[in-house]
């Protein structure tokens, strides 16, 4: 289905229901909490090298010019290197996290529909799919920048379509990255208040794991990602979106 037909289809679908998506997300998370925990651990593992890369210039400066660091003066070359590496780091982290998040949503679909399939956490790292994830990450960072430039107020609006991007990546992979962004805005604008409320409430609920000596949040934080699956399922549908 092309973007124009998909947009018309989204407009024809019933509005999303907050209570229904909230309750189903809780029930589904009971089935996928372990997969969510594994996804979170994998995210930490794949982004760790990029953090290390970011601090390489500082480590090198500490070896070659220790006196400057002791005086809290960063060598110009180190500053330049870190400024160059920062956007690369952000883009790499966003790409890795987006790919794993989309794979987690595919696993959610498998568990919800009782599909017999392996939990493929690296689905979007295979067969050239990572290229589209990379482009989508560029759009995601661009939207975040635009939201920040609007005195931060734009983020409140953009958080809704941005929260839908992993779902469109997972289930509408035939669309181009730009069309995924446009489709996310179409679904998001139609159900903005409901989606914003779900993102806000689920993010709060997911943080309740902190009460378990803080460690529990590692097992609950991915709860905030589950509603995007039902937003797509109810707002688009799999036959039409795939």
Protein backbone atom coordinates (compact mmCIF):
# COMPACT_ATOMS: atom_id res chain seq x y z
CA UNK A 1 0.00 0.00 0.00
CA UNK A 2 1.41 3.40 -0.98
CA UNK A 3 1.51 6.35 1.38
CA UNK A 4 -1.57 8.08 -0.01
CA UNK A 5 -3.75 5.00 0.34
CA UNK A 6 -2.29 4.26 3.75
CA UNK A 7 -3.08 7.78 4.95
CA UNK A 8 -6.67 7.43 3.76
CA UNK A 9 -6.91 4.06 5.46
CA UNK A 10 -5.62 5.49 8.75
CA UNK A 11 -8.20 8.26 8.61
CA UNK A 12 -10.96 5.70 8.09
CA UNK A 13 -9.98 3.61 11.12
CA UNK A 14 -11.71 4.10 14.50
CA UNK A 15 -10.00 6.41 16.96
CA UNK A 16 -7.61 4.81 19.42
CA UNK A 17 -8.97 4.06 22.88
CA UNK A 18 -6.76 4.89 25.86
CA UNK A 19 -8.16 2.32 28.28
CA UNK A 20 -8.16 -0.54 25.81
CA UNK A 21 -4.56 -0.01 24.74
CA UNK A 22 -3.41 0.53 28.33
CA UNK A 23 -4.94 -2.68 29.65
CA UNK A 24 -3.84 -4.80 26.70
CA UNK A 25 -0.31 -3.42 26.96
CA UNK A 26 -0.11 -4.50 30.59
CA UNK A 27 -1.34 -7.99 29.73
CA UNK A 28 1.03 -8.35 26.79
CA UNK A 29 3.99 -7.16 28.84
CA UNK A 30 3.43 -10.10 31.17
CA UNK A 31 4.33 -12.28 28.17
CA UNK A 32 7.26 -10.24 26.85
CA UNK A 33 8.94 -8.81 29.96
CA UNK A 34 11.89 -11.17 29.54
CA UNK A 35 12.29 -10.24 25.87
CA UNK A 36 12.11 -6.60 26.91
CA UNK A 37 14.86 -7.12 29.47
CA UNK A 38 17.03 -8.87 26.87
CA UNK A 39 16.40 -6.04 24.40
CA UNK A 40 17.50 -3.51 27.01
CA UNK A 41 20.68 -5.45 27.77
CA UNK A 42 21.48 -5.79 24.07
CA UNK A 43 20.98 -2.06 23.64
CA UNK A 44 23.54 -1.38 26.35
CA UNK A 45 25.98 -3.81 24.76
CA UNK A 46 25.78 -2.46 21.21
CA UNK A 47 26.02 1.22 22.18
CA UNK A 48 28.86 0.77 24.68
CA UNK A 49 31.62 0.80 22.01
CA UNK A 50 30.38 4.18 20.76
CA UNK A 51 30.62 5.67 24.24
CA UNK A 52 34.15 4.32 24.54
CA UNK A 53 34.99 5.83 21.15
CA UNK A 54 33.75 9.21 22.34
CA UNK A 55 36.18 9.22 25.27
CA UNK A 56 39.19 8.06 23.24
CA UNK A 57 40.34 11.67 22.54
CA UNK A 58 40.20 12.48 26.26
CA UNK A 59 42.17 9.36 27.13
CA UNK A 60 44.73 10.19 24.45
CA UNK A 61 45.02 13.75 25.75
CA UNK A 62 45.50 12.45 29.27
CA UNK A 63 48.45 10.40 28.07
CA UNK A 64 50.08 13.07 25.91
CA UNK A 65 49.22 16.24 27.84
CA UNK A 66 48.38 15.35 31.42
CA UNK A 67 49.20 18.82 32.75
CA UNK A 68 46.50 20.44 30.62
CA UNK A 69 43.85 18.10 31.99
CA UNK A 70 45.01 18.69 35.54
CA UNK A 71 44.47 22.42 34.94
CA UNK A 72 41.01 21.72 33.48
CA UNK A 73 42.14 22.96 30.09
CA UNK A 74 41.17 20.79 27.15
CA UNK A 75 43.58 20.80 24.19
CA UNK A 76 41.98 22.36 21.07
CA UNK A 77 42.44 19.20 19.01
CA UNK A 78 40.63 17.16 21.64
CA UNK A 79 37.73 19.60 21.68
CA UNK A 80 37.49 19.43 17.88
CA UNK A 81 37.61 15.64 17.93
CA UNK A 82 34.86 15.39 20.54
CA UNK A 83 32.66 17.89 18.69
CA UNK A 84 33.00 15.79 15.55
CA UNK A 85 32.38 12.53 17.38
CA UNK A 86 29.31 13.73 19.29
CA UNK A 87 26.83 13.74 16.36
CA UNK A 88 28.30 10.45 15.15
CA UNK A 89 27.75 9.01 18.61
CA UNK A 90 24.16 10.25 18.79
CA UNK A 91 23.34 8.90 15.34
CA UNK A 92 24.91 5.52 16.06
CA UNK A 93 23.11 5.15 19.39
CA UNK A 94 19.79 6.20 17.85
CA UNK A 95 20.22 3.73 14.99
CA UNK A 96 21.07 0.80 17.26
CA UNK A 97 18.30 1.59 19.73
CA UNK A 98 15.71 2.07 16.98
CA UNK A 99 16.61 -1.24 15.32
CA UNK A 100 16.35 -3.17 18.58
CA UNK A 101 13.14 -1.39 19.58
CA UNK A 102 11.50 -2.28 16.27
CA UNK A 103 12.62 -5.89 16.65
CA UNK A 104 11.07 -5.95 20.13
CA UNK A 105 7.75 -4.78 18.68
CA UNK A 106 7.88 -7.60 16.14
CA UNK A 107 8.36 -10.00 19.04
CA UNK A 108 5.35 -8.39 20.76
CA UNK A 109 3.27 -9.17 17.69
CA UNK A 110 4.44 -12.78 17.71
CA UNK A 111 3.47 -13.23 21.35
CA UNK A 112 0.18 -11.39 20.98
CA UNK A 113 -0.91 -13.47 18.00
CA UNK A 114 0.64 -16.72 19.24
CA UNK A 115 2.89 -16.94 16.21
CA UNK A 116 5.53 -19.65 16.31
CA UNK A 117 8.83 -17.90 15.57
CA UNK A 118 12.22 -17.29 17.09
CA UNK A 119 12.89 -14.07 18.98
CA UNK A 120 15.03 -12.32 16.38
CA UNK A 121 16.48 -9.31 18.19
CA UNK A 122 18.85 -8.53 15.31
CA UNK A 123 16.25 -8.70 12.53
CA UNK A 124 16.97 -5.15 11.39
CA UNK A 125 20.71 -5.71 11.39
CA UNK A 126 20.38 -8.26 8.58
CA UNK A 127 19.87 -8.21 4.81
CA UNK A 128 20.57 -4.51 4.39
CA UNK A 129 17.71 -3.37 6.64
CA UNK A 130 20.04 -1.30 8.80
CA UNK A 131 20.40 1.25 6.00
CA UNK A 132 16.76 2.25 6.27
CA UNK A 133 17.04 2.34 10.07
CA UNK A 134 20.00 4.69 9.68
CA UNK A 135 18.02 7.07 7.45
CA UNK A 136 15.05 6.92 9.80
CA UNK A 137 17.39 7.77 12.68
CA UNK A 138 18.52 10.86 10.79
CA UNK A 139 14.90 11.98 10.52
CA UNK A 140 14.35 11.19 14.19
CA UNK A 141 17.33 13.29 15.27
CA UNK A 142 16.26 16.06 12.92
CA UNK A 143 12.79 16.12 14.43
CA UNK A 144 14.29 16.19 17.92
CA UNK A 145 16.46 19.14 16.93
CA UNK A 146 13.49 21.01 15.47
CA UNK A 147 11.51 20.37 18.62
CA UNK A 148 14.35 21.68 20.74
CA UNK A 149 14.70 24.81 18.61
CA UNK A 150 11.04 25.60 19.28
CA UNK A 151 11.97 26.39 22.89
CA UNK A 152 11.29 22.77 23.78
CA UNK A 153 7.56 23.15 23.18
CA UNK A 154 7.84 21.39 19.85
CA UNK A 155 9.02 18.26 21.62
CA UNK A 156 5.60 17.86 23.26
CA UNK A 157 4.01 17.78 19.83
CA UNK A 158 6.69 15.71 18.10
CA UNK A 159 6.94 13.08 20.84
CA UNK A 160 3.74 11.52 19.51
CA UNK A 161 4.79 10.84 15.89
CA UNK A 162 8.33 10.00 17.02
CA UNK A 163 6.99 7.36 19.42
CA UNK A 164 5.25 5.68 16.46
CA UNK A 165 8.32 5.42 14.23
CA UNK A 166 9.56 2.09 15.66
CA UNK A 167 6.15 0.53 14.95
CA UNK A 168 6.09 1.70 11.34
CA UNK A 169 9.64 0.45 10.94
CA UNK A 170 8.64 -2.92 12.35
CA UNK A 171 5.41 -3.43 10.43
CA UNK A 172 5.51 -1.15 7.36
CA UNK A 173 9.02 -1.86 6.23
CA UNK A 174 7.97 -1.62 2.58
CA UNK A 175 7.59 2.14 3.03
CA UNK A 176 10.54 4.46 2.59
CA UNK A 177 11.96 6.10 5.69
CA UNK A 178 10.38 9.43 4.74
CA UNK A 179 7.00 7.80 4.15
CA UNK A 180 7.24 6.17 7.58
CA UNK A 181 7.71 9.60 9.10
CA UNK A 182 4.73 10.98 7.18
CA UNK A 183 2.54 8.02 8.15
CA UNK A 184 3.55 8.47 11.79
CA UNK A 185 2.39 12.07 11.64
CA UNK A 186 -0.88 11.01 10.03
CA UNK A 187 -1.67 8.50 12.77
CA UNK A 188 -0.25 10.75 15.47
CA UNK A 189 -2.19 13.85 14.46
CA UNK A 190 -5.43 11.90 14.36
CA UNK A 191 -4.96 10.47 17.86
CA UNK A 192 -2.53 12.97 19.38
CA UNK A 193 -4.10 13.33 22.81
CA UNK A 194 -4.63 9.60 23.34
CA UNK A 195 -1.11 8.70 22.23
CA UNK A 196 0.48 11.48 24.26
CA UNK A 197 -1.43 10.33 27.32
CA UNK A 198 -0.36 6.73 26.81
CA UNK A 199 3.29 7.72 26.33
CA UNK A 200 3.20 9.84 29.48
CA UNK A 201 1.35 7.37 31.71
CA UNK A 202 3.20 4.28 30.50
CA UNK A 203 6.56 5.98 30.93
CA UNK A 204 5.62 6.73 34.53
CA UNK A 205 4.37 3.20 35.19
CA UNK A 206 7.51 1.74 33.63
CA UNK A 207 9.65 3.66 36.12
CA UNK A 208 7.94 2.04 39.10
CA UNK A 209 10.63 -0.62 38.98
CA UNK A 210 12.80 1.85 40.90
CA UNK A 211 10.93 0.89 44.07
CA UNK A 212 12.62 -2.52 43.86
CA UNK A 213 16.03 -1.22 44.86
CA UNK A 214 16.31 0.50 41.46
CA UNK A 215 17.21 -2.81 39.79
CA UNK A 216 13.57 -3.56 39.03
CA UNK A 217 13.42 -0.76 36.47
CA UNK A 218 15.60 -2.88 34.18
CA UNK A 219 12.71 -5.33 33.97
CA UNK A 220 9.91 -2.76 33.65
CA UNK A 221 11.32 0.04 31.50
CA UNK A 222 10.40 -1.68 28.21
CA UNK A 223 6.73 -1.57 29.24
CA UNK A 224 6.71 1.97 27.85
CA UNK A 225 7.45 0.57 24.36
CA UNK A 226 4.56 -1.92 24.21
CA UNK A 227 1.69 0.55 23.58
CA UNK A 228 3.21 1.50 20.21
CA UNK A 229 2.41 -2.02 19.04
CA UNK A 230 -1.29 -1.61 19.82
CA UNK A 231 -1.33 1.93 18.47
CA UNK A 232 -0.22 0.50 15.15
CA UNK A 233 -2.43 -2.57 15.36
CA UNK A 234 -5.57 -0.54 16.10
CA UNK A 235 -4.69 2.54 14.08
CA UNK A 236 -3.31 0.88 10.95
CA UNK A 237 -3.73 -2.88 11.05
CA UNK A 238 -1.27 -5.43 9.77
CA UNK A 239 -2.92 -6.40 6.50
CA UNK A 240 -3.03 -2.80 5.36
CA UNK A 241 0.26 -1.64 6.83
CA UNK A 242 2.48 -4.43 5.56
